[in-house]
């Protein structure tokens, strides 16, 4: 399982809210995408990002395919046009017992 985490900043809270809603619509539409979580920051501190995305993928290949899938590309285009910054990390999740 590959976990994909992205943190976003926006100048407008409404853009972060709309981005969250659009990210959640990807669930069930992309092969190999196991789950989608997206949440708005509640502390709004100086070090906070506005929106967090966590997706889980069956494999690295599934993550690669997700990046170019039309559903993701449409959502990502909306976000890129409005975000002011982002940070990401992808990692292999350890098996849970």
PDB file of N, CA and C in Angstrom:
ATOM      1  N   UNK A   1       0.851  -1.179   0.000  1.00  0.00           N
ATOM      2  CA  UNK A   1       0.000   0.000   0.000  1.00  0.00           C
ATOM      3  C   UNK A   1       0.895   1.239   0.000  1.00  0.00           C
ATOM      4  N   UNK A   2       0.593   2.170  -0.890  1.00  0.00           N
ATOM      5  CA  UNK A   2       1.303   3.445  -0.961  1.00  0.00           C
ATOM      6  C   UNK A   2       0.363   4.536  -0.442  1.00  0.00           C
ATOM      7  N   UNK A   3       0.874   5.350   0.463  1.00  0.00           N
ATOM      8  CA  UNK A   3       0.111   6.468   1.012  1.00  0.00           C
ATOM      9  C   UNK A   3       0.661   7.756   0.402  1.00  0.00           C
ATOM     10  N   UNK A   4      -0.237   8.571  -0.101  1.00  0.00           N
ATOM     11  CA  UNK A   4       0.087   9.841  -0.762  1.00  0.00           C
ATOM     12  C   UNK A   4      -0.508  10.949   0.099  1.00  0.00           C
ATOM     13  N   UNK A   5       0.338  11.847   0.602  1.00  0.00           N
ATOM     14  CA  UNK A   5      -0.110  12.938   1.461  1.00  0.00           C
ATOM     15  C   UNK A   5       0.273  14.260   0.810  1.00  0.00           C
ATOM     16  N   UNK A   6      -0.696  15.153   0.681  1.00  0.00           N
ATOM     17  CA  UNK A   6      -0.425  16.476   0.128  1.00  0.00           C
ATOM     18  C   UNK A   6      -1.059  17.519   1.036  1.00  0.00           C
ATOM     19  N   UNK A   7      -0.301  18.564   1.323  1.00  0.00           N
ATOM     20  CA  UNK A   7      -0.779  19.698   2.096  1.00  0.00           C
ATOM     21  C   UNK A   7      -0.815  20.909   1.172  1.00  0.00           C
ATOM     22  N   UNK A   8      -1.894  21.667   1.224  1.00  0.00           N
ATOM     23  CA  UNK A   8      -2.084  22.809   0.331  1.00  0.00           C
ATOM     24  C   UNK A   8      -2.320  24.089   1.123  1.00  0.00           C
ATOM     25  N   UNK A   9      -1.887  25.214   0.551  1.00  0.00           N
ATOM     26  CA  UNK A   9      -2.273  26.527   1.063  1.00  0.00           C
ATOM     27  C   UNK A   9      -3.025  27.259  -0.040  1.00  0.00           C
ATOM     28  N   UNK A  10      -3.963  28.079   0.376  1.00  0.00           N
ATOM     29  CA  UNK A  10      -4.781  28.888  -0.525  1.00  0.00           C
ATOM     30  C   UNK A  10      -4.891  30.292   0.067  1.00  0.00           C
ATOM     31  N   UNK A  11      -5.088  31.273  -0.785  1.00  0.00           N
ATOM     32  CA  UNK A  11      -5.308  32.625  -0.262  1.00  0.00           C
ATOM     33  C   UNK A  11      -6.767  32.819   0.149  1.00  0.00           C
ATOM     34  N   UNK A  12      -7.655  32.028  -0.436  1.00  0.00           N
ATOM     35  CA  UNK A  12      -9.090  32.137  -0.120  1.00  0.00           C
ATOM     36  C   UNK A  12      -9.599  30.846   0.514  1.00  0.00           C
ATOM     37  N   UNK A  13     -10.254  30.946   1.651  1.00  0.00           N
ATOM     38  CA  UNK A  13     -10.808  29.766   2.334  1.00  0.00           C
ATOM     39  C   UNK A  13     -11.821  29.050   1.443  1.00  0.00           C
ATOM     40  N   UNK A  14     -12.595  29.805   0.684  1.00  0.00           N
ATOM     41  CA  UNK A  14     -13.603  29.200  -0.205  1.00  0.00           C
ATOM     42  C   UNK A  14     -12.942  28.289  -1.239  1.00  0.00           C
ATOM     43  N   UNK A  15     -11.752  28.638  -1.715  1.00  0.00           N
ATOM     44  CA  UNK A  15     -11.043  27.783  -2.662  1.00  0.00           C
ATOM     45  C   UNK A  15     -10.619  26.475  -1.997  1.00  0.00           C
ATOM     46  N   UNK A  16     -10.173  26.549  -0.745  1.00  0.00           N
ATOM     47  CA  UNK A  16      -9.802  25.337  -0.008  1.00  0.00           C
ATOM     48  C   UNK A  16     -11.028  24.446   0.193  1.00  0.00           C
ATOM     49  N   UNK A  17     -12.143  25.044   0.509  1.00  0.00           N
ATOM     50  CA  UNK A  17     -13.379  24.283   0.708  1.00  0.00           C
ATOM     51  C   UNK A  17     -13.816  23.586  -0.579  1.00  0.00           C
ATOM     52  N   UNK A  18     -13.755  24.303  -1.686  1.00  0.00           N
ATOM     53  CA  UNK A  18     -14.143  23.718  -2.975  1.00  0.00           C
ATOM     54  C   UNK A  18     -13.155  22.637  -3.398  1.00  0.00           C
ATOM     55  N   UNK A  19     -11.871  22.859  -3.144  1.00  0.00           N
ATOM     56  CA  UNK A  19     -10.857  21.849  -3.467  1.00  0.00           C
ATOM     57  C   UNK A  19     -11.129  20.573  -2.693  1.00  0.00           C
ATOM     58  N   UNK A  20     -11.451  20.699  -1.405  1.00  0.00           N
ATOM     59  CA  UNK A  20     -11.779  19.521  -0.581  1.00  0.00           C
ATOM     60  C   UNK A  20     -12.944  18.758  -1.194  1.00  0.00           C
ATOM     61  N   UNK A  21     -13.999  19.465  -1.529  1.00  0.00           N
ATOM     62  CA  UNK A  21     -15.185  18.820  -2.101  1.00  0.00           C
ATOM     63  C   UNK A  21     -14.836  18.083  -3.396  1.00  0.00           C
ATOM     64  N   UNK A  22     -14.034  18.694  -4.229  1.00  0.00           N
ATOM     65  CA  UNK A  22     -13.655  18.068  -5.505  1.00  0.00           C
ATOM     66  C   UNK A  22     -12.752  16.855  -5.281  1.00  0.00           C
ATOM     67  N   UNK A  23     -11.821  16.951  -4.338  1.00  0.00           N
ATOM     68  CA  UNK A  23     -10.956  15.811  -4.042  1.00  0.00           C
ATOM     69  C   UNK A  23     -11.770  14.599  -3.600  1.00  0.00           C
ATOM     70  N   UNK A  24     -12.766  14.821  -2.786  1.00  0.00           N
ATOM     71  CA  UNK A  24     -13.578  13.713  -2.285  1.00  0.00           C
ATOM     72  C   UNK A  24     -14.382  13.033  -3.390  1.00  0.00           C
ATOM     73  N   UNK A  25     -14.646  13.734  -4.480  1.00  0.00           N
ATOM     74  CA  UNK A  25     -15.405  13.126  -5.576  1.00  0.00           C
ATOM     75  C   UNK A  25     -14.604  12.072  -6.334  1.00  0.00           C
ATOM     76  N   UNK A  26     -13.292  12.004  -6.096  1.00  0.00           N
ATOM     77  CA  UNK A  26     -12.467  11.013  -6.799  1.00  0.00           C
ATOM     78  C   UNK A  26     -12.703   9.594  -6.281  1.00  0.00           C
ATOM     79  N   UNK A  27     -13.244   9.467  -5.099  1.00  0.00           N
ATOM     80  CA  UNK A  27     -13.444   8.150  -4.485  1.00  0.00           C
ATOM     81  C   UNK A  27     -14.265   7.234  -5.378  1.00  0.00           C
ATOM     82  N   UNK A  28     -13.737   6.036  -5.612  1.00  0.00           N
ATOM     83  CA  UNK A  28     -14.436   5.040  -6.406  1.00  0.00           C
ATOM     84  C   UNK A  28     -14.354   5.226  -7.910  1.00  0.00           C
ATOM     85  N   UNK A  29     -13.612   6.228  -8.374  1.00  0.00           N
ATOM     86  CA  UNK A  29     -13.570   6.523  -9.802  1.00  0.00           C
ATOM     87  C   UNK A  29     -12.226   6.218 -10.460  1.00  0.00           C
ATOM     88  N   UNK A  30     -11.213   5.858  -9.661  1.00  0.00           N
ATOM     89  CA  UNK A  30      -9.879   5.649 -10.202  1.00  0.00           C
ATOM     90  C   UNK A  30      -9.383   4.268  -9.782  1.00  0.00           C
ATOM     91  N   UNK A  31      -9.063   3.398 -10.735  1.00  0.00           N
ATOM     92  CA  UNK A  31      -8.558   2.067 -10.378  1.00  0.00           C
ATOM     93  C   UNK A  31      -7.301   2.165  -9.519  1.00  0.00           C
ATOM     94  N   UNK A  32      -7.235   1.329  -8.487  1.00  0.00           N
ATOM     95  CA  UNK A  32      -6.072   1.300  -7.613  1.00  0.00           C
ATOM     96  C   UNK A  32      -6.089   2.330  -6.506  1.00  0.00           C
ATOM     97  N   UNK A  33      -7.064   3.244  -6.534  1.00  0.00           N
ATOM     98  CA  UNK A  33      -7.231   4.241  -5.470  1.00  0.00           C
ATOM     99  C   UNK A  33      -8.136   3.618  -4.410  1.00  0.00           C
ATOM    100  N   UNK A  34      -7.541   3.279  -3.278  1.00  0.00           N
ATOM    101  CA  UNK A  34      -8.258   2.551  -2.229  1.00  0.00           C
ATOM    102  C   UNK A  34      -9.112   3.485  -1.381  1.00  0.00           C
ATOM    103  N   UNK A  35      -8.565   4.653  -1.034  1.00  0.00           N
ATOM    104  CA  UNK A  35      -9.322   5.586  -0.197  1.00  0.00           C
ATOM    105  C   UNK A  35      -8.850   7.015  -0.407  1.00  0.00           C
ATOM    106  N   UNK A  36      -9.764   7.944  -0.097  1.00  0.00           N
ATOM    107  CA  UNK A  36      -9.487   9.373  -0.197  1.00  0.00           C
ATOM    108  C   UNK A  36      -9.985  10.036   1.076  1.00  0.00           C
ATOM    109  N   UNK A  37      -9.109  10.780   1.739  1.00  0.00           N
ATOM    110  CA  UNK A  37      -9.491  11.620   2.871  1.00  0.00           C
ATOM    111  C   UNK A  37      -9.025  13.028   2.559  1.00  0.00           C
ATOM    112  N   UNK A  38      -9.822  14.018   2.879  1.00  0.00           N
ATOM    113  CA  UNK A  38      -9.432  15.411   2.693  1.00  0.00           C
ATOM    114  C   UNK A  38     -10.076  16.212   3.808  1.00  0.00           C
ATOM    115  N   UNK A  39      -9.275  17.083   4.420  1.00  0.00           N
ATOM    116  CA  UNK A  39      -9.805  17.864   5.526  1.00  0.00           C
ATOM    117  C   UNK A  39      -9.221  19.257   5.580  1.00  0.00           C
ATOM    118  N   UNK A  40     -10.062  20.179   6.046  1.00  0.00           N
ATOM    119  CA  UNK A  40      -9.653  21.567   6.217  1.00  0.00           C
ATOM    120  C   UNK A  40      -9.033  21.756   7.598  1.00  0.00           C
ATOM    121  N   UNK A  41      -8.004  22.563   7.665  1.00  0.00           N
ATOM    122  CA  UNK A  41      -7.331  22.852   8.925  1.00  0.00           C
ATOM    123  C   UNK A  41      -8.286  23.565   9.881  1.00  0.00           C
ATOM    124  N   UNK A  42      -8.288  23.136  11.127  1.00  0.00           N
ATOM    125  CA  UNK A  42      -9.152  23.757  12.127  1.00  0.00           C
ATOM    126  C   UNK A  42      -8.408  24.704  13.065  1.00  0.00           C
ATOM    127  N   UNK A  43      -7.080  24.595  13.161  1.00  0.00           N
ATOM    128  CA  UNK A  43      -6.340  25.470  14.069  1.00  0.00           C
ATOM    129  C   UNK A  43      -5.982  26.805  13.439  1.00  0.00           C
ATOM    130  N   UNK A  44      -5.718  26.793  12.130  1.00  0.00           N
ATOM    131  CA  UNK A  44      -5.393  27.998  11.378  1.00  0.00           C
ATOM    132  C   UNK A  44      -4.263  28.796  12.017  1.00  0.00           C
ATOM    133  N   UNK A  45      -3.242  28.064  12.463  1.00  0.00           N
ATOM    134  CA  UNK A  45      -2.069  28.712  13.051  1.00  0.00           C
ATOM    135  C   UNK A  45      -1.116  29.166  11.944  1.00  0.00           C
ATOM    136  N   UNK A  46      -0.085  29.889  12.319  1.00  0.00           N
ATOM    137  CA  UNK A  46       0.876  30.412  11.349  1.00  0.00           C
ATOM    138  C   UNK A  46       1.588  29.299  10.589  1.00  0.00           C
ATOM    139  N   UNK A  47       1.735  28.125  11.206  1.00  0.00           N
ATOM    140  CA  UNK A  47       2.451  27.033  10.538  1.00  0.00           C
ATOM    141  C   UNK A  47       1.519  26.044   9.840  1.00  0.00           C
ATOM    142  N   UNK A  48       0.231  26.308   9.875  1.00  0.00           N
ATOM    143  CA  UNK A  48      -0.751  25.391   9.290  1.00  0.00           C
ATOM    144  C   UNK A  48      -0.854  25.530   7.780  1.00  0.00           C
ATOM    145  N   UNK A  49      -1.177  24.422   7.151  1.00  0.00           N
ATOM    146  CA  UNK A  49      -1.636  24.419   5.772  1.00  0.00           C
ATOM    147  C   UNK A  49      -3.158  24.477   5.827  1.00  0.00           C
ATOM    148  N   UNK A  50      -3.782  24.838   4.729  1.00  0.00           N
ATOM    149  CA  UNK A  50      -5.241  24.997   4.721  1.00  0.00           C
ATOM    150  C   UNK A  50      -5.999  23.693   4.508  1.00  0.00           C
ATOM    151  N   UNK A  51      -5.398  22.768   3.758  1.00  0.00           N
ATOM    152  CA  UNK A  51      -6.090  21.552   3.350  1.00  0.00           C
ATOM    153  C   UNK A  51      -5.107  20.397   3.295  1.00  0.00           C
ATOM    154  N   UNK A  52      -5.532  19.258   3.788  1.00  0.00           N
ATOM    155  CA  UNK A  52      -4.718  18.043   3.715  1.00  0.00           C
ATOM    156  C   UNK A  52      -5.458  16.997   2.894  1.00  0.00           C
ATOM    157  N   UNK A  53      -4.694  16.299   2.059  1.00  0.00           N
ATOM    158  CA  UNK A  53      -5.212  15.179   1.275  1.00  0.00           C
ATOM    159  C   UNK A  53      -4.412  13.947   1.638  1.00  0.00           C
ATOM    160  N   UNK A  54      -5.102  12.851   1.913  1.00  0.00           N
ATOM    161  CA  UNK A  54      -4.452  11.558   2.135  1.00  0.00           C
ATOM    162  C   UNK A  54      -5.160  10.555   1.238  1.00  0.00           C
ATOM    163  N   UNK A  55      -4.394   9.962   0.326  1.00  0.00           N
ATOM    164  CA  UNK A  55      -4.946   8.901  -0.507  1.00  0.00           C
ATOM    165  C   UNK A  55      -4.126   7.641  -0.291  1.00  0.00           C
ATOM    166  N   UNK A  56      -4.770   6.507  -0.467  1.00  0.00           N
ATOM    167  CA  UNK A  56      -4.102   5.216  -0.360  1.00  0.00           C
ATOM    168  C   UNK A  56      -4.280   4.486  -1.686  1.00  0.00           C
ATOM    169  N   UNK A  57      -3.164   3.894  -2.153  1.00  0.00           N
ATOM    170  CA  UNK A  57      -3.138   3.240  -3.458  1.00  0.00           C
ATOM    171  C   UNK A  57      -2.607   1.826  -3.305  1.00  0.00           C
ATOM    172  N   UNK A  58      -3.071   0.930  -4.165  1.00  0.00           N
ATOM    173  CA  UNK A  58      -2.689  -0.477  -4.063  1.00  0.00           C
ATOM    174  C   UNK A  58      -1.208  -0.709  -4.312  1.00  0.00           C
ATOM    175  N   UNK A  59      -0.566   0.188  -5.081  1.00  0.00           N
ATOM    176  CA  UNK A  59       0.850   0.002  -5.432  1.00  0.00           C
ATOM    177  C   UNK A  59       1.423   1.322  -5.931  1.00  0.00           C
ATOM    178  N   UNK A  60       2.733   1.344  -6.131  1.00  0.00           N
ATOM    179  CA  UNK A  60       3.393   2.520  -6.716  1.00  0.00           C
ATOM    180  C   UNK A  60       2.889   2.732  -8.137  1.00  0.00           C
ATOM    181  N   UNK A  61       2.652   1.655  -8.853  1.00  0.00           N
ATOM    182  CA  UNK A  61       2.126   1.761 -10.212  1.00  0.00           C
ATOM    183  C   UNK A  61       0.724   2.382 -10.212  1.00  0.00           C
ATOM    184  N   UNK A  62      -0.083   2.014  -9.220  1.00  0.00           N
ATOM    185  CA  UNK A  62      -1.422   2.601  -9.107  1.00  0.00           C
ATOM    186  C   UNK A  62      -1.333   4.096  -8.803  1.00  0.00           C
ATOM    187  N   UNK A  63      -0.371   4.489  -7.964  1.00  0.00           N
ATOM    188  CA  UNK A  63      -0.164   5.916  -7.681  1.00  0.00           C
ATOM    189  C   UNK A  63       0.259   6.642  -8.953  1.00  0.00           C
ATOM    190  N   UNK A  64       1.155   6.051  -9.715  1.00  0.00           N
ATOM    191  CA  UNK A  64       1.597   6.659 -10.974  1.00  0.00           C
ATOM    192  C   UNK A  64       0.424   6.832 -11.938  1.00  0.00           C
ATOM    193  N   UNK A  65      -0.426   5.819 -12.034  1.00  0.00           N
ATOM    194  CA  UNK A  65      -1.588   5.887 -12.924  1.00  0.00           C
ATOM    195  C   UNK A  65      -2.591   6.938 -12.442  1.00  0.00           C
ATOM    196  N   UNK A  66      -2.754   7.064 -11.135  1.00  0.00           N
ATOM    197  CA  UNK A  66      -3.629   8.080 -10.524  1.00  0.00           C
ATOM    198  C   UNK A  66      -3.217   9.480 -10.963  1.00  0.00           C
ATOM    199  N   UNK A  67      -1.906   9.719 -11.010  1.00  0.00           N
ATOM    200  CA  UNK A  67      -1.405  11.057 -11.340  1.00  0.00           C
ATOM    201  C   UNK A  67      -1.852  11.514 -12.727  1.00  0.00           C
ATOM    202  N   UNK A  68      -2.042  10.590 -13.658  1.00  0.00           N
ATOM    203  CA  UNK A  68      -2.427  10.958 -15.023  1.00  0.00           C
ATOM    204  C   UNK A  68      -3.871  10.589 -15.370  1.00  0.00           C
ATOM    205  N   UNK A  69      -4.608  10.041 -14.413  1.00  0.00           N
ATOM    206  CA  UNK A  69      -6.000   9.672 -14.672  1.00  0.00           C
ATOM    207  C   UNK A  69      -6.825  10.949 -14.890  1.00  0.00           C
ATOM    208  N   UNK A  70      -7.729  10.959 -15.874  1.00  0.00           N
ATOM    209  CA  UNK A  70      -8.509  12.171 -16.175  1.00  0.00           C
ATOM    210  C   UNK A  70      -9.282  12.740 -14.985  1.00  0.00           C
ATOM    211  N   UNK A  71      -9.810  11.914 -14.115  1.00  0.00           N
ATOM    212  CA  UNK A  71     -10.540  12.404 -12.940  1.00  0.00           C
ATOM    213  C   UNK A  71      -9.602  13.199 -12.032  1.00  0.00           C
ATOM    214  N   UNK A  72      -8.413  12.651 -11.786  1.00  0.00           N
ATOM    215  CA  UNK A  72      -7.434  13.359 -10.943  1.00  0.00           C
ATOM    216  C   UNK A  72      -6.913  14.614 -11.633  1.00  0.00           C
ATOM    217  N   UNK A  73      -6.630  14.522 -12.927  1.00  0.00           N
ATOM    218  CA  UNK A  73      -6.098  15.669 -13.663  1.00  0.00           C
ATOM    219  C   UNK A  73      -7.067  16.848 -13.593  1.00  0.00           C
ATOM    220  N   UNK A  74      -8.359  16.582 -13.724  1.00  0.00           N
ATOM    221  CA  UNK A  74      -9.359  17.651 -13.656  1.00  0.00           C
ATOM    222  C   UNK A  74      -9.345  18.327 -12.283  1.00  0.00           C
ATOM    223  N   UNK A  75      -9.319  17.533 -11.225  1.00  0.00           N
ATOM    224  CA  UNK A  75      -9.295  18.087  -9.867  1.00  0.00           C
ATOM    225  C   UNK A  75      -7.981  18.824  -9.623  1.00  0.00           C
ATOM    226  N   UNK A  76      -6.868  18.220 -10.023  1.00  0.00           N
ATOM    227  CA  UNK A  76      -5.553  18.828  -9.814  1.00  0.00           C
ATOM    228  C   UNK A  76      -5.425  20.160 -10.556  1.00  0.00           C
ATOM    229  N   UNK A  77      -5.988  20.248 -11.738  1.00  0.00           N
ATOM    230  CA  UNK A  77      -5.946  21.494 -12.500  1.00  0.00           C
ATOM    231  C   UNK A  77      -6.684  22.600 -11.754  1.00  0.00           C
ATOM    232  N   UNK A  78      -7.869  22.289 -11.240  1.00  0.00           N
ATOM    233  CA  UNK A  78      -8.629  23.260 -10.447  1.00  0.00           C
ATOM    234  C   UNK A  78      -7.781  23.753  -9.273  1.00  0.00           C
ATOM    235  N   UNK A  79      -7.150  22.816  -8.568  1.00  0.00           N
ATOM    236  CA  UNK A  79      -6.376  23.178  -7.379  1.00  0.00           C
ATOM    237  C   UNK A  79      -5.144  23.996  -7.758  1.00  0.00           C
ATOM    238  N   UNK A  80      -4.387  23.563  -8.743  1.00  0.00           N
ATOM    239  CA  UNK A  80      -3.161  24.276  -9.129  1.00  0.00           C
ATOM    240  C   UNK A  80      -3.429  25.726  -9.507  1.00  0.00           C
ATOM    241  N   UNK A  81      -4.598  25.977 -10.108  1.00  0.00           N
ATOM    242  CA  UNK A  81      -4.943  27.340 -10.515  1.00  0.00           C
ATOM    243  C   UNK A  81      -5.264  28.241  -9.331  1.00  0.00           C
ATOM    244  N   UNK A  82      -5.491  27.651  -8.148  1.00  0.00           N
ATOM    245  CA  UNK A  82      -5.927  28.435  -6.991  1.00  0.00           C
ATOM    246  C   UNK A  82      -4.996  28.363  -5.776  1.00  0.00           C
ATOM    247  N   UNK A  83      -4.192  27.333  -5.683  1.00  0.00           N
ATOM    248  CA  UNK A  83      -3.342  27.158  -4.503  1.00  0.00           C
ATOM    249  C   UNK A  83      -2.186  28.154  -4.517  1.00  0.00           C
ATOM    250  N   UNK A  84      -1.672  28.425  -3.324  1.00  0.00           N
ATOM    251  CA  UNK A  84      -0.503  29.300  -3.211  1.00  0.00           C
ATOM    252  C   UNK A  84       0.739  28.506  -2.823  1.00  0.00           C
ATOM    253  N   UNK A  85       0.553  27.239  -2.440  1.00  0.00           N
ATOM    254  CA  UNK A  85       1.683  26.392  -2.095  1.00  0.00           C
ATOM    255  C   UNK A  85       1.227  24.984  -1.796  1.00  0.00           C
ATOM    256  N   UNK A  86       2.195  24.053  -1.819  1.00  0.00           N
ATOM    257  CA  UNK A  86       1.887  22.656  -1.520  1.00  0.00           C
ATOM    258  C   UNK A  86       3.153  21.931  -1.094  1.00  0.00           C
ATOM    259  N   UNK A  87       2.955  20.877  -0.341  1.00  0.00           N
ATOM    260  CA  UNK A  87       4.033  19.968   0.052  1.00  0.00           C
ATOM    261  C   UNK A  87       3.460  18.565  -0.031  1.00  0.00           C
ATOM    262  N   UNK A  88       4.293  17.594  -0.414  1.00  0.00           N
ATOM    263  CA  UNK A  88       3.797  16.226  -0.581  1.00  0.00           C
ATOM    264  C   UNK A  88       4.816  15.222  -0.101  1.00  0.00           C
ATOM    265  N   UNK A  89       4.300  14.069   0.310  1.00  0.00           N
ATOM    266  CA  UNK A  89       5.146  12.922   0.630  1.00  0.00           C
ATOM    267  C   UNK A  89       4.374  11.668   0.247  1.00  0.00           C
ATOM    268  N   UNK A  90       5.100  10.700  -0.308  1.00  0.00           N
ATOM    269  CA  UNK A  90       4.540   9.402  -0.661  1.00  0.00           C
ATOM    270  C   UNK A  90       5.376   8.345   0.060  1.00  0.00           C
ATOM    271  N   UNK A  91       4.701   7.402   0.713  1.00  0.00           N
ATOM    272  CA  UNK A  91       5.449   6.381   1.437  1.00  0.00           C
ATOM    273  C   UNK A  91       4.731   5.059   1.395  1.00  0.00           C
ATOM    274  N   UNK A  92       5.509   4.003   1.597  1.00  0.00           N
ATOM    275  CA  UNK A  92       4.952   2.655   1.655  1.00  0.00           C
ATOM    276  C   UNK A  92       4.471   2.405   3.061  1.00  0.00           C
ATOM    277  N   UNK A  93       3.202   2.066   3.183  1.00  0.00           N
ATOM    278  CA  UNK A  93       2.629   1.791   4.498  1.00  0.00           C
ATOM    279  C   UNK A  93       3.033   0.407   4.952  1.00  0.00           C
ATOM    280  N   UNK A  94       3.349   0.292   6.216  1.00  0.00           N
ATOM    281  CA  UNK A  94       3.675  -1.000   6.782  1.00  0.00           C
ATOM    282  C   UNK A  94       2.402  -1.773   7.069  1.00  0.00           C
ATOM    283  N   UNK A  95       2.481  -3.063   6.929  1.00  0.00           N
ATOM    284  CA  UNK A  95       1.330  -3.918   7.211  1.00  0.00           C
ATOM    285  C   UNK A  95       0.929  -3.770   8.666  1.00  0.00           C
ATOM    286  N   UNK A  96      -0.379  -3.663   8.896  1.00  0.00           N
ATOM    287  CA  UNK A  96      -0.882  -3.548  10.262  1.00  0.00           C
ATOM    288  C   UNK A  96      -1.323  -4.917  10.733  1.00  0.00           C
ATOM    289  N   UNK A  97      -1.040  -5.212  11.994  1.00  0.00           N
ATOM    290  CA  UNK A  97      -1.448  -6.524  12.522  1.00  0.00           C
ATOM    291  C   UNK A  97      -2.649  -6.423  13.414  1.00  0.00           C
TER     292      UNK A  97
END
